[in-house]
Amino acid sequence: MPSRISLTEASRRAPGILRGDSLLLDDGAPPTLNDLAGALQFALGDGRIWLNDERMIMMQTSVLGALRAEMIAEMGMDRTRDALFRVGWTQGVQLAELMIKRFKQDNLTAALAAGPRLHTMKGFAKVVTKRFEFDAAKQEYLGEFYWHDSVEGTEHLRAFGVCDCAVCWMQVAVPSGYTTTLLGFPVIFREVECVGQGAQRCVVIGKDAASWGDDVPELKLFGLSEKKNKKSAPWTPPADIRLAPRQSPRNPGDIVGSSAAIQRARRLVEKVAGFAEPVLLIGEAGTGKEHFARFLHSRGATPEGPFVPVNCSVFSGAADAESLFGETGLMHQARGGTLFLNDVVALAPDLQARLALLLHDRERRRLPFRIIAATGIHPTQAMTTGKLRADLQYFLSVLPIHIPPLRERRDDLPELIEHFLQMHVTRHKKPVDRLTGAVYDMLLRYDYPGNMRELSNLIARGVIYAEPGGMIDITHVFSVIETAPQVARRVQRDGPVDRPKTIAEVHGERTLEDIEIEAVRTALIEADWNVSAAARKLGLTRAKLDYRMKKFHLMPGS
């Protein structure tokens, strides 16, 4: 299975890219500004802006200026500069990770050249690259860049007037983090001219840390002190290259996500885990209530005991009572562990009465198992409509926990997508490369009426339908079953904001072959019939694209 490696590792394995010079880079080498803009998505009405898998915000430059001014007033120039340096460094590191994840760029020179474009796209300044060159084996780098209309410099000038030092602190740390992450050795950028000093433009110089001499305080600020001046011997290609395996899936019992909604639910589960009182999990279908129940069981007082799930909808009446309450029934099997009553409101009324009596009696004698119940209907609503006995509702609702639907934890989507991708690649033993940017963007915006279960199914479908070793695209993941997201927006380099077509608009009455022909023809036209460039855009090898061109009789003018 193709494995992900860093650009630094790629550069050390490929003799042809140990050195680079921006002047030798082809014009239009990907990723272009349009390619980068494709990673920026607006989910209008959903309150989110995405740069690939990172959530973004829009902020007026005047607000940033006011924040900087307040920090300087409260903390002083030096402490503010250090704080903004660290913020900028983190931004640069994350942008480098975007380059690796989204574009899988194995041309180190092209990846480094994309940094100024990203900086421009984010609106901090118009960046013009004069030249940069590097030697990865010798850990050397030198670059010069012009920044026009720098946001930080302009805002500092507006608040404080002309300064006697360079002031684009956050911005100048961004390329330091970006370049250091891609090259794998410390590269420090500094302003030698700054609009905050009254200059017409900012002039920024980047050098490897050793070339700046002994006075490099940025190394300590960025946590790189121990790496200063450490040089490695020139790299020699090994005789047998083994790619690092894809990171193995996490423990399948873990709760994935760091959003406020899911962390709130997790904290409640951990709080109640050590107690014997009944727990009621409330959540829509597909939110993972059984997964939470198993997680609670694993954190409880009897994690080694049995976990017995019960689908209450199959118990229709008194005839099924023995299967649940009998000496060999499910409750007996749960002794020393946990009984999980899934969809408890579907339990027949007479069985609800017996369960309520059992829970009432536990006040006199301790039950030999813990009860966790789950419902997709709010318990008070179920009680009002007669689906749930009032006394049983009160017994079960001692410790209620709300499991949020996926629409309330959309910030977790990038992590969940990666989790399910790894899980299904392992489960189905199917070698796939990765998700294309287009399908990734759509997954971030889909509504998921089926919640976690639906997301898992979509990823599983993509893994199964994709070509072995190929990339997972929209046609592999979405079908006519799903309704495509309507809120997705994409920013173009020129012109208005535009909405991508819906799944129905993409598919229409066409066959999968029709869609493939159009995708190949479009890529070739956009690449001016440069087959290698079109193959990169499609995520194919040149040989595979040549085969499709012959198969579909595609040639210039067709």
Protein backbone atom coordinates (compact mmCIF):
# COMPACT_ATOMS: atom_id res chain seq x y z
CA MET A 1 0.00 0.00 0.00
CA PRO A 2 1.40 3.46 -0.83
CA SER A 3 2.60 5.15 2.34
CA ARG A 4 2.80 8.75 3.39
CA ILE A 5 6.25 10.20 4.01
CA SER A 6 7.37 13.73 4.75
CA LEU A 7 8.86 15.97 2.07
CA THR A 8 12.11 15.93 4.00
CA GLU A 9 12.19 12.15 3.84
CA ALA A 10 11.25 12.24 0.17
CA SER A 11 14.09 14.65 -0.52
CA ARG A 12 16.54 12.38 1.22
CA ARG A 13 15.47 9.41 -0.83
CA ALA A 14 15.44 11.03 -4.25
CA PRO A 15 18.90 12.08 -5.52
CA GLY A 16 17.41 14.57 -7.99
CA ILE A 17 15.85 16.92 -5.44
CA LEU A 18 18.56 17.30 -2.79
CA ARG A 19 19.19 20.79 -4.16
CA GLY A 20 16.80 23.36 -5.56
CA ASP A 21 16.63 26.82 -7.05
CA SER A 22 13.43 28.78 -7.61
CA LEU A 23 14.82 30.22 -10.84
CA LEU A 24 14.94 26.71 -12.31
CA LEU A 25 11.33 25.93 -11.42
CA ASP A 26 8.91 25.72 -14.34
CA ASP A 27 6.30 28.47 -14.55
CA GLY A 28 2.95 27.16 -13.40
CA ALA A 29 4.45 24.29 -11.40
CA PRO A 30 1.78 22.95 -9.06
CA PRO A 31 0.36 23.76 -6.67
CA THR A 32 -0.66 27.02 -8.36
CA LEU A 33 -2.57 29.80 -6.63
CA ASN A 34 -5.77 28.33 -8.09
CA ASP A 35 -4.86 24.89 -6.72
CA LEU A 36 -4.31 26.42 -3.29
CA ALA A 37 -7.55 28.41 -3.49
CA GLY A 38 -9.36 25.13 -4.11
CA ALA A 39 -8.44 24.06 -0.58
CA LEU A 40 -10.26 27.11 0.84
CA GLN A 41 -13.95 26.35 1.33
CA PHE A 42 -16.82 28.39 2.76
CA ALA A 43 -19.68 26.47 4.38
CA LEU A 44 -22.14 29.34 4.28
CA GLY A 45 -24.82 29.10 6.94
CA ASP A 46 -22.82 26.47 8.82
CA GLY A 47 -20.51 28.93 10.54
CA ARG A 48 -17.32 27.37 9.22
CA ILE A 49 -14.53 28.20 6.80
CA TRP A 50 -12.10 25.40 6.00
CA LEU A 51 -8.55 25.47 4.69
CA ASN A 52 -8.42 21.78 3.81
CA ASP A 53 -8.98 20.18 7.25
CA GLU A 54 -8.23 23.25 9.37
CA ARG A 55 -11.06 25.51 10.51
CA MET A 56 -10.47 29.20 9.78
CA ILE A 57 -12.06 32.53 10.68
CA MET A 58 -12.37 35.87 8.90
CA MET A 59 -11.14 38.87 10.85
CA GLN A 60 -10.82 42.50 9.81
CA THR A 61 -7.24 43.72 9.66
CA SER A 62 -8.25 46.62 11.90
CA VAL A 63 -9.28 44.11 14.58
CA LEU A 64 -5.90 42.39 14.33
CA GLY A 65 -4.28 45.82 14.61
CA ALA A 66 -6.33 46.64 17.70
CA LEU A 67 -5.39 43.31 19.27
CA ARG A 68 -1.69 43.93 18.63
CA ALA A 69 -1.96 47.45 20.06
CA GLU A 70 -3.68 46.13 23.19
CA MET A 71 -1.02 43.45 23.64
CA ILE A 72 1.78 46.01 23.28
CA ALA A 73 0.10 48.30 25.80
CA GLU A 74 -0.36 45.50 28.33
CA MET A 75 2.74 43.39 27.74
CA GLY A 76 5.29 45.68 26.12
CA MET A 77 6.96 45.39 22.72
CA ASP A 78 9.36 42.56 23.54
CA ARG A 79 6.83 40.15 25.04
CA THR A 80 4.30 40.91 22.31
CA ARG A 81 6.91 40.27 19.62
CA ASP A 82 7.84 36.93 21.19
CA ALA A 83 4.18 35.87 21.50
CA LEU A 84 3.40 36.78 17.88
CA PHE A 85 6.59 35.06 16.71
CA ARG A 86 5.32 31.81 18.25
CA VAL A 87 1.85 32.26 16.73
CA GLY A 88 3.35 32.82 13.28
CA TRP A 89 5.65 29.80 13.65
CA THR A 90 2.65 27.60 14.42
CA GLN A 91 0.83 28.93 11.35
CA GLY A 92 3.82 28.11 9.18
CA VAL A 93 4.06 24.56 10.51
CA GLN A 94 0.37 23.98 9.85
CA LEU A 95 0.63 25.36 6.31
CA ALA A 96 3.51 22.97 5.62
CA GLU A 97 1.37 20.10 6.91
CA LEU A 98 -1.40 21.25 4.56
CA MET A 99 1.06 21.09 1.67
CA ILE A 100 2.01 17.53 2.57
CA LYS A 101 -1.53 16.28 3.21
CA ARG A 102 -3.51 18.04 0.50
CA PHE A 103 -1.11 18.16 -2.42
CA LYS A 104 1.26 15.30 -1.63
CA GLN A 105 3.98 17.34 -3.29
CA ASP A 106 7.20 15.38 -3.77
CA ASN A 107 9.01 18.23 -5.54
CA LEU A 108 10.59 20.08 -2.64
CA THR A 109 11.36 23.19 -4.70
CA ALA A 110 7.72 23.45 -5.84
CA ALA A 111 6.49 22.92 -2.28
CA LEU A 112 8.73 25.69 -0.97
CA ALA A 113 7.59 27.97 -3.82
CA ALA A 114 3.97 27.42 -2.75
CA GLY A 115 4.67 28.98 0.66
CA PRO A 116 4.62 32.60 -0.61
CA ARG A 117 1.43 31.83 -2.54
CA LEU A 118 -0.22 30.55 0.63
CA HIS A 119 0.93 33.67 2.47
CA THR A 120 -0.58 35.80 -0.29
CA MET A 121 -3.81 33.80 -0.35
CA LYS A 122 -4.28 34.30 3.40
CA GLY A 123 -4.25 38.05 2.82
CA PHE A 124 -1.21 39.04 4.90
CA ALA A 125 0.68 40.59 1.99
CA LYS A 126 1.36 40.26 -1.69
CA VAL A 127 4.52 38.18 -1.68
CA VAL A 128 6.99 38.33 -4.55
CA THR A 129 9.72 35.70 -4.60
CA LYS A 130 13.01 37.16 -5.79
CA ARG A 131 14.89 33.91 -5.45
CA PHE A 132 15.53 31.04 -3.08
CA GLU A 133 17.93 28.13 -3.27
CA PHE A 134 18.73 25.27 -0.93
CA ASP A 135 20.95 22.24 -0.45
CA ALA A 136 19.21 19.70 1.78
CA ALA A 137 22.29 17.52 2.20
CA LYS A 138 24.38 20.44 3.49
CA GLN A 139 21.41 21.95 5.37
CA GLU A 140 21.79 25.28 3.60
CA TYR A 141 19.08 27.72 2.53
CA LEU A 142 19.03 31.29 1.22
CA GLY A 143 16.00 33.21 0.03
CA GLU A 144 14.86 36.78 -0.61
CA PHE A 145 11.24 37.95 -0.81
CA TYR A 146 9.36 41.24 -1.14
CA TRP A 147 6.12 41.84 0.78
CA HIS A 148 3.82 44.53 -0.59
CA ASP A 149 1.06 46.00 1.60
CA SER A 150 1.93 43.99 4.72
CA VAL A 151 -1.04 43.86 7.12
CA GLU A 152 1.04 43.85 10.30
CA GLY A 153 3.32 46.62 9.16
CA THR A 154 0.42 48.80 8.03
CA GLU A 155 -1.56 48.28 11.25
CA HIS A 156 1.48 48.96 13.44
CA LEU A 157 2.19 52.13 11.48
CA ARG A 158 -1.42 53.24 11.93
CA ALA A 159 -1.35 52.64 15.70
CA PHE A 160 2.15 53.80 16.63
CA GLY A 161 3.67 55.62 13.67
CA VAL A 162 7.09 54.88 12.26
CA CYS A 163 9.05 52.40 14.38
CA ASP A 164 12.81 51.99 14.72
CA CYS A 165 12.62 48.21 14.21
CA ALA A 166 10.87 45.71 11.93
CA VAL A 167 7.35 44.96 13.19
CA CYS A 168 5.84 42.16 11.03
CA TRP A 169 6.54 39.68 13.80
CA MET A 170 3.82 37.14 13.24
CA GLN A 171 4.15 37.24 9.46
CA VAL A 172 7.91 36.77 9.38
CA ALA A 173 7.68 33.69 11.63
CA VAL A 174 5.26 31.98 9.21
CA PRO A 175 7.89 31.21 6.52
CA SER A 176 10.29 30.15 9.28
CA GLY A 177 7.85 27.47 10.44
CA TYR A 178 6.87 26.51 6.90
CA THR A 179 10.37 26.17 5.48
CA THR A 180 11.83 24.49 8.56
CA THR A 181 9.05 21.88 8.53
CA LEU A 182 9.54 21.04 4.86
CA LEU A 183 13.34 21.00 4.89
CA GLY A 184 13.80 19.37 8.28
CA PHE A 185 16.47 21.79 9.54
CA PRO A 186 16.10 25.27 11.12
CA VAL A 187 15.56 28.11 8.66
CA ILE A 188 15.04 31.61 10.08
CA PHE A 189 13.45 34.53 8.22
CA ARG A 190 14.03 38.16 9.16
CA GLU A 191 12.91 41.53 7.82
CA VAL A 192 15.76 43.73 6.67
CA GLU A 193 13.31 46.44 5.55
CA CYS A 194 9.81 46.97 6.90
CA VAL A 195 6.89 49.26 6.06
CA GLY A 196 6.58 49.81 9.81
CA GLN A 197 9.95 51.55 9.60
CA GLY A 198 8.72 53.76 6.76
CA ALA A 199 10.00 51.56 3.92
CA GLN A 200 8.03 51.26 0.70
CA ARG A 201 7.84 47.48 1.10
CA CYS A 202 9.08 44.76 3.40
CA VAL A 203 12.19 42.89 2.33
CA VAL A 204 12.52 39.47 3.94
CA ILE A 205 15.62 37.29 3.97
CA GLY A 206 15.60 33.60 4.90
CA LYS A 207 18.74 31.68 5.85
CA ASP A 208 19.59 28.41 7.53
CA ALA A 209 20.17 29.10 11.23
CA ALA A 210 23.94 28.53 11.03
CA SER A 211 24.31 31.27 8.41
CA TRP A 212 22.88 33.88 10.80
CA GLY A 213 25.85 33.38 13.15
CA ASP A 214 25.69 32.95 16.92
CA ASP A 215 22.91 35.43 17.69
CA VAL A 216 19.75 33.56 16.71
CA PRO A 217 17.21 34.10 19.53
CA GLU A 218 14.44 32.72 17.30
CA LEU A 219 15.79 29.20 17.87
CA LYS A 220 14.86 29.37 21.55
CA LEU A 221 11.46 30.95 20.82
CA PHE A 222 10.62 28.21 18.34
CA GLY A 223 11.96 25.40 20.52
CA LEU A 224 14.87 24.68 18.16
CA SER A 225 17.84 25.55 20.38
CA GLU A 226 19.12 22.01 20.57
CA LYS A 227 19.16 21.79 16.76
CA LYS A 228 21.34 24.84 16.18
CA ASN A 229 24.40 24.27 14.00
CA LYS A 230 23.89 20.53 13.93
CA LYS A 231 24.98 19.37 10.50
CA SER A 232 24.45 15.93 9.08
CA ALA A 233 26.73 14.13 6.66
CA PRO A 234 25.73 14.33 3.00
CA TRP A 235 22.95 11.89 2.30
CA THR A 236 23.70 8.65 0.48
CA PRO A 237 20.76 6.78 -1.06
CA PRO A 238 20.25 3.38 0.61
CA ALA A 239 20.33 0.28 -1.55
CA ASP A 240 16.89 -0.82 -0.39
CA ILE A 241 14.30 1.85 0.36
CA ARG A 242 11.39 0.86 2.61
CA LEU A 243 8.61 3.37 2.98
CA ALA A 244 7.26 3.95 6.46
CA PRO A 245 3.88 2.23 6.90
CA ARG A 246 0.71 4.27 7.24
CA GLN A 247 0.03 5.08 10.87
CA SER A 248 -1.90 2.19 12.39
CA PRO A 249 -5.49 2.83 13.46
CA ARG A 250 -6.06 3.94 17.03
CA ASN A 251 -7.72 1.73 19.61
CA PRO A 252 -11.17 1.07 18.10
CA GLY A 253 -12.73 1.61 21.53
CA ASP A 254 -11.54 5.22 21.77
CA ILE A 255 -13.85 8.20 21.39
CA VAL A 256 -12.54 10.19 18.44
CA GLY A 257 -12.81 13.97 18.43
CA SER A 258 -11.83 17.09 20.32
CA SER A 259 -14.85 19.35 19.77
CA ALA A 260 -16.52 20.87 22.81
CA ALA A 261 -19.67 18.76 22.28
CA ILE A 262 -17.90 15.39 22.18
CA GLN A 263 -15.50 16.26 24.99
CA ARG A 264 -18.45 17.23 27.18
CA ALA A 265 -20.05 13.84 26.57
CA ARG A 266 -16.76 12.04 27.18
CA ARG A 267 -16.15 13.85 30.47
CA LEU A 268 -19.62 12.90 31.70
CA VAL A 269 -19.00 9.25 30.77
CA GLU A 270 -15.71 9.26 32.69
CA LYS A 271 -17.38 10.90 35.70
CA VAL A 272 -20.13 8.27 35.98
CA ALA A 273 -18.01 5.25 35.01
CA GLY A 274 -17.08 4.31 38.56
CA PHE A 275 -20.66 4.29 39.89
CA ALA A 276 -23.28 1.54 39.67
CA GLU A 277 -26.25 3.80 38.94
CA PRO A 278 -28.08 3.34 35.60
CA VAL A 279 -26.93 5.56 32.73
CA LEU A 280 -29.22 6.72 29.92
CA LEU A 281 -27.54 7.64 26.62
CA ILE A 282 -29.70 9.98 24.52
CA GLY A 283 -28.83 10.50 20.87
CA GLU A 284 -30.04 10.21 17.30
CA ALA A 285 -29.62 7.06 15.24
CA GLY A 286 -26.03 6.54 14.17
CA THR A 287 -24.41 8.80 16.78
CA GLY A 288 -22.54 5.88 18.36
CA LYS A 289 -24.54 5.19 21.51
CA GLU A 290 -23.35 1.57 21.70
CA HIS A 291 -19.79 2.74 21.15
CA PHE A 292 -20.17 5.11 24.11
CA ALA A 293 -21.72 2.33 26.17
CA ARG A 294 -18.74 0.07 25.50
CA PHE A 295 -16.38 2.94 26.33
CA LEU A 296 -18.23 3.48 29.64
CA HIS A 297 -18.05 -0.26 30.38
CA SER A 298 -14.29 -0.27 29.74
CA ARG A 299 -13.86 2.58 32.23
CA GLY A 300 -16.20 1.12 34.85
CA ALA A 301 -15.66 -1.04 37.91
CA THR A 302 -15.93 -4.33 35.96
CA PRO A 303 -14.14 -3.78 32.62
CA GLU A 304 -13.19 -7.47 32.45
CA GLY A 305 -16.81 -8.55 32.86
CA PRO A 306 -19.21 -9.28 29.98
CA PHE A 307 -20.80 -6.52 27.92
CA VAL A 308 -24.19 -7.78 26.76
CA PRO A 309 -26.01 -5.66 24.15
CA VAL A 310 -29.79 -6.05 23.94
CA ASN A 311 -31.81 -4.85 20.94
CA CYS A 312 -35.03 -4.03 22.76
CA SER A 313 -37.07 -3.75 19.56
CA VAL A 314 -36.99 -7.55 19.08
CA PHE A 315 -38.69 -8.21 22.44
CA SER A 316 -42.34 -7.84 21.52
CA GLY A 317 -44.13 -9.18 24.58
CA ALA A 318 -44.43 -11.58 27.49
CA ALA A 319 -43.37 -14.52 25.32
CA ASP A 320 -39.88 -13.01 25.15
CA ALA A 321 -39.58 -12.39 28.87
CA GLU A 322 -37.62 -15.58 29.48
CA SER A 323 -35.00 -14.58 26.93
CA LEU A 324 -34.39 -11.38 28.86
CA PHE A 325 -35.20 -12.14 32.52
CA GLY A 326 -34.86 -15.95 32.68
CA GLU A 327 -32.16 -17.98 34.40
CA THR A 328 -30.31 -18.35 31.10
CA GLY A 329 -31.45 -15.01 29.68
CA LEU A 330 -29.45 -11.98 28.72
CA MET A 331 -29.59 -10.47 32.22
CA HIS A 332 -28.05 -13.62 33.63
CA GLN A 333 -25.34 -13.49 30.95
CA ALA A 334 -24.54 -9.91 32.00
CA ARG A 335 -23.77 -10.84 35.63
CA GLY A 336 -20.47 -9.30 36.66
CA GLY A 337 -20.54 -6.85 33.77
CA THR A 338 -22.86 -4.50 31.86
CA LEU A 339 -26.31 -4.93 30.31
CA PHE A 340 -26.82 -2.48 27.44
CA LEU A 341 -30.48 -1.86 26.60
CA ASN A 342 -30.42 -0.29 23.15
CA ASP A 343 -33.59 1.49 21.99
CA VAL A 344 -35.17 0.93 25.39
CA VAL A 345 -38.38 2.78 24.42
CA ALA A 346 -39.12 -0.05 21.95
CA LEU A 347 -39.38 -2.58 24.79
CA ALA A 348 -42.87 -4.03 25.12
CA PRO A 349 -45.00 -2.42 27.91
CA ASP A 350 -45.18 -5.55 30.10
CA LEU A 351 -41.40 -5.99 29.83
CA GLN A 352 -40.96 -2.33 30.72
CA ALA A 353 -43.02 -3.01 33.84
CA ARG A 354 -40.81 -5.95 34.86
CA LEU A 355 -37.67 -3.87 34.24
CA ALA A 356 -39.06 -1.00 36.33
CA LEU A 357 -39.79 -3.46 39.16
CA LEU A 358 -36.26 -4.83 38.91
CA LEU A 359 -34.79 -1.34 39.16
CA HIS A 360 -37.07 -0.52 42.07
CA ASP A 361 -35.90 -3.61 43.94
CA ARG A 362 -32.24 -2.64 43.46
CA GLU A 363 -32.76 -0.14 46.25
CA ARG A 364 -33.02 -3.14 48.59
CA ARG A 365 -30.58 -5.48 46.88
CA ARG A 366 -27.73 -4.65 44.55
CA LEU A 367 -28.03 -5.80 40.95
CA PRO A 368 -25.26 -8.18 39.79
CA PHE A 369 -24.74 -6.08 36.65
CA ARG A 370 -24.77 -2.47 35.58
CA ILE A 371 -27.52 -1.13 33.32
CA ILE A 372 -26.84 1.29 30.48
CA ALA A 373 -29.84 2.20 28.35
CA ALA A 374 -30.02 4.16 25.10
CA THR A 375 -32.78 5.95 23.24
CA GLY A 376 -33.08 8.00 20.09
CA ILE A 377 -36.14 9.80 21.49
CA HIS A 378 -35.96 12.24 24.36
CA PRO A 379 -37.23 10.33 27.44
CA THR A 380 -39.79 12.96 28.47
CA GLN A 381 -41.21 12.95 24.93
CA ALA A 382 -41.34 9.15 24.94
CA MET A 383 -43.10 9.23 28.30
CA THR A 384 -45.63 11.81 27.09
CA THR A 385 -46.49 9.74 24.01
CA GLY A 386 -46.80 6.55 26.04
CA LYS A 387 -43.75 4.81 24.58
CA LEU A 388 -41.93 4.78 27.92
CA ARG A 389 -43.34 4.13 31.37
CA ALA A 390 -42.98 7.08 33.71
CA ASP A 391 -41.48 5.04 36.56
CA LEU A 392 -38.98 3.36 34.22
CA GLN A 393 -38.01 6.77 32.81
CA TYR A 394 -37.22 8.05 36.30
CA PHE A 395 -35.23 4.93 37.18
CA LEU A 396 -33.16 5.04 33.99
CA SER A 397 -32.59 8.80 33.92
CA VAL A 398 -30.48 8.99 37.05
CA LEU A 399 -27.41 9.75 34.94
CA PRO A 400 -28.48 11.01 31.48
CA ILE A 401 -25.82 11.77 28.86
CA HIS A 402 -26.50 13.47 25.52
CA ILE A 403 -24.54 12.04 22.58
CA PRO A 404 -24.24 14.87 20.03
CA PRO A 405 -25.14 14.35 16.37
CA LEU A 406 -22.41 14.90 13.82
CA ARG A 407 -23.81 18.29 12.79
CA GLU A 408 -23.05 19.54 16.33
CA ARG A 409 -19.44 18.37 16.18
CA ARG A 410 -18.37 19.25 12.64
CA ASP A 411 -14.95 20.35 13.90
CA ASP A 412 -14.26 16.64 14.47
CA LEU A 413 -14.81 15.73 10.81
CA PRO A 414 -11.13 15.85 9.70
CA GLU A 415 -10.10 13.56 12.55
CA LEU A 416 -13.08 11.24 12.01
CA ILE A 417 -12.44 10.99 8.26
CA GLU A 418 -8.83 9.99 8.86
CA HIS A 419 -9.89 7.53 11.60
CA PHE A 420 -12.44 5.76 9.41
CA LEU A 421 -10.11 5.78 6.41
CA GLN A 422 -7.41 3.97 8.38
CA MET A 423 -9.97 1.63 9.93
CA HIS A 424 -11.50 0.53 6.62
CA VAL A 425 -8.17 0.28 4.79
CA THR A 426 -7.08 -2.14 7.52
CA ARG A 427 -10.41 -3.98 7.74
CA HIS A 428 -10.78 -4.54 3.99
CA LYS A 429 -7.06 -5.04 3.36
CA LYS A 430 -7.43 -2.64 0.43
CA PRO A 431 -4.43 -0.49 -0.54
CA VAL A 432 -5.59 3.04 -1.34
CA ASP A 433 -3.62 6.25 -1.51
CA ARG A 434 -5.79 9.02 -0.06
CA LEU A 435 -8.88 11.16 -0.60
CA THR A 436 -8.84 13.71 -3.41
CA GLY A 437 -9.28 17.33 -2.41
CA ALA A 438 -12.70 17.44 -4.08
CA VAL A 439 -14.22 14.56 -2.13
CA TYR A 440 -12.56 15.75 1.07
CA ASP A 441 -14.17 19.16 0.67
CA MET A 442 -17.56 17.55 0.06
CA LEU A 443 -17.23 15.29 3.11
CA LEU A 444 -16.61 18.38 5.23
CA ARG A 445 -19.90 19.86 4.06
CA TYR A 446 -22.24 16.90 3.85
CA ASP A 447 -25.17 16.96 6.31
CA TYR A 448 -24.85 13.34 7.56
CA PRO A 449 -28.46 12.54 8.45
CA GLY A 450 -27.15 9.09 9.42
CA ASN A 451 -24.44 10.62 11.65
CA MET A 452 -21.29 8.61 12.44
CA ARG A 453 -22.65 5.43 10.91
CA GLU A 454 -23.20 7.16 7.59
CA LEU A 455 -19.74 8.74 7.58
CA SER A 456 -18.18 5.34 8.26
CA ASN A 457 -20.24 3.79 5.46
CA LEU A 458 -19.24 6.51 2.97
CA ILE A 459 -15.54 6.01 3.72
CA ALA A 460 -15.94 2.22 3.50
CA ARG A 461 -17.65 2.61 0.13
CA GLY A 462 -14.81 4.81 -1.10
CA VAL A 463 -12.16 2.31 -0.01
CA ILE A 464 -13.97 -0.56 -1.73
CA TYR A 465 -14.84 1.27 -4.97
CA ALA A 466 -11.47 2.99 -5.46
CA GLU A 467 -8.81 1.43 -7.65
CA PRO A 468 -6.13 -0.50 -5.72
CA GLY A 469 -3.40 1.98 -4.86
CA GLY A 470 -5.43 4.83 -6.33
CA MET A 471 -7.10 7.88 -4.87
CA ILE A 472 -10.66 7.99 -3.51
CA ASP A 473 -12.76 10.49 -5.47
CA ILE A 474 -16.33 11.81 -5.36
CA THR A 475 -17.72 9.06 -7.62
CA HIS A 476 -16.33 6.40 -5.26
CA VAL A 477 -17.92 7.90 -2.15
CA PHE A 478 -21.20 9.57 -3.07
CA SER A 479 -24.03 7.93 -4.99
CA VAL A 480 -27.56 8.83 -6.02
CA ILE A 481 -28.66 7.85 -2.49
CA GLU A 482 -27.13 10.92 -0.84
CA THR A 483 -28.22 14.52 -1.25
CA ALA A 484 -25.16 16.63 -1.94
CA PRO A 485 -24.37 19.58 0.32
CA GLN A 486 -25.87 22.84 -0.90
CA VAL A 487 -23.81 25.22 1.24
CA ALA A 488 -20.35 24.57 -0.17
CA ARG A 489 -18.65 27.57 -1.74
CA ARG A 490 -15.27 27.89 -3.38
CA VAL A 491 -13.11 30.94 -3.87
CA GLN A 492 -11.72 31.51 -7.35
CA ARG A 493 -8.63 33.57 -8.05
CA ASP A 494 -10.68 35.98 -10.14
CA GLY A 495 -14.43 36.50 -10.27
CA PRO A 496 -17.26 35.79 -7.85
CA VAL A 497 -17.70 33.04 -5.29
CA ASP A 498 -19.11 29.97 -6.98
CA ARG A 499 -21.05 26.90 -5.84
CA PRO A 500 -19.82 23.45 -6.89
CA LYS A 501 -22.40 21.28 -8.62
CA THR A 502 -24.56 18.93 -6.60
CA ILE A 503 -24.15 15.17 -6.88
CA ALA A 504 -27.32 15.02 -8.98
CA GLU A 505 -25.91 17.69 -11.29
CA VAL A 506 -22.61 15.86 -11.54
CA HIS A 507 -24.17 12.46 -12.27
CA GLY A 508 -27.41 13.28 -14.10
CA GLU A 509 -28.30 10.46 -16.46
CA ARG A 510 -24.68 9.77 -17.39
CA THR A 511 -22.83 6.53 -16.84
CA LEU A 512 -19.69 6.25 -14.73
CA GLU A 513 -17.69 6.01 -17.98
CA ASP A 514 -19.21 9.29 -19.21
CA ILE A 515 -18.13 10.96 -15.97
CA GLU A 516 -14.63 9.51 -16.26
CA ILE A 517 -14.26 10.70 -19.87
CA GLU A 518 -15.32 14.22 -18.89
CA ALA A 519 -12.93 14.26 -15.92
CA VAL A 520 -10.00 13.15 -18.08
CA ARG A 521 -10.83 15.58 -20.90
CA THR A 522 -11.24 18.50 -18.46
CA ALA A 523 -7.90 17.77 -16.78
CA LEU A 524 -6.15 17.59 -20.14
CA ILE A 525 -7.67 20.86 -21.35
CA GLU A 526 -6.79 22.65 -18.08
CA ALA A 527 -3.22 21.36 -18.43
CA ASP A 528 -3.03 22.46 -22.10
CA TRP A 529 -2.78 18.76 -23.04
CA ASN A 530 0.36 18.32 -20.94
CA VAL A 531 -0.18 14.63 -20.10
CA SER A 532 2.14 14.60 -17.07
CA ALA A 533 0.48 17.68 -15.55
CA ALA A 534 -3.00 16.27 -16.20
CA ALA A 535 -2.00 12.95 -14.63
CA ARG A 536 -0.86 14.76 -11.48
CA LYS A 537 -4.15 16.65 -11.33
CA LEU A 538 -6.12 13.39 -11.62
CA GLY A 539 -3.93 11.52 -9.14
CA LEU A 540 -2.91 8.99 -11.83
CA THR A 541 0.39 7.81 -13.20
CA ARG A 542 1.21 8.95 -16.73
CA ALA A 543 0.90 5.36 -17.94
CA LYS A 544 -2.63 5.08 -16.55
CA LEU A 545 -3.65 8.37 -18.17
CA ASP A 546 -2.11 7.30 -21.50
CA TYR A 547 -4.21 4.14 -21.32
CA ARG A 548 -7.40 6.12 -20.71
CA MET A 549 -6.62 8.55 -23.53
CA LYS A 550 -6.27 5.66 -25.95
CA LYS A 551 -9.32 3.90 -24.55
CA PHE A 552 -11.54 6.99 -24.89
CA HIS A 553 -9.88 8.23 -28.12
CA LEU A 554 -8.94 11.57 -26.54
CA MET A 555 -6.58 13.92 -28.35
CA PRO A 556 -6.24 17.70 -28.76
CA GLY A 557 -9.36 19.05 -30.43
CA SER A 558 -11.50 16.03 -29.53
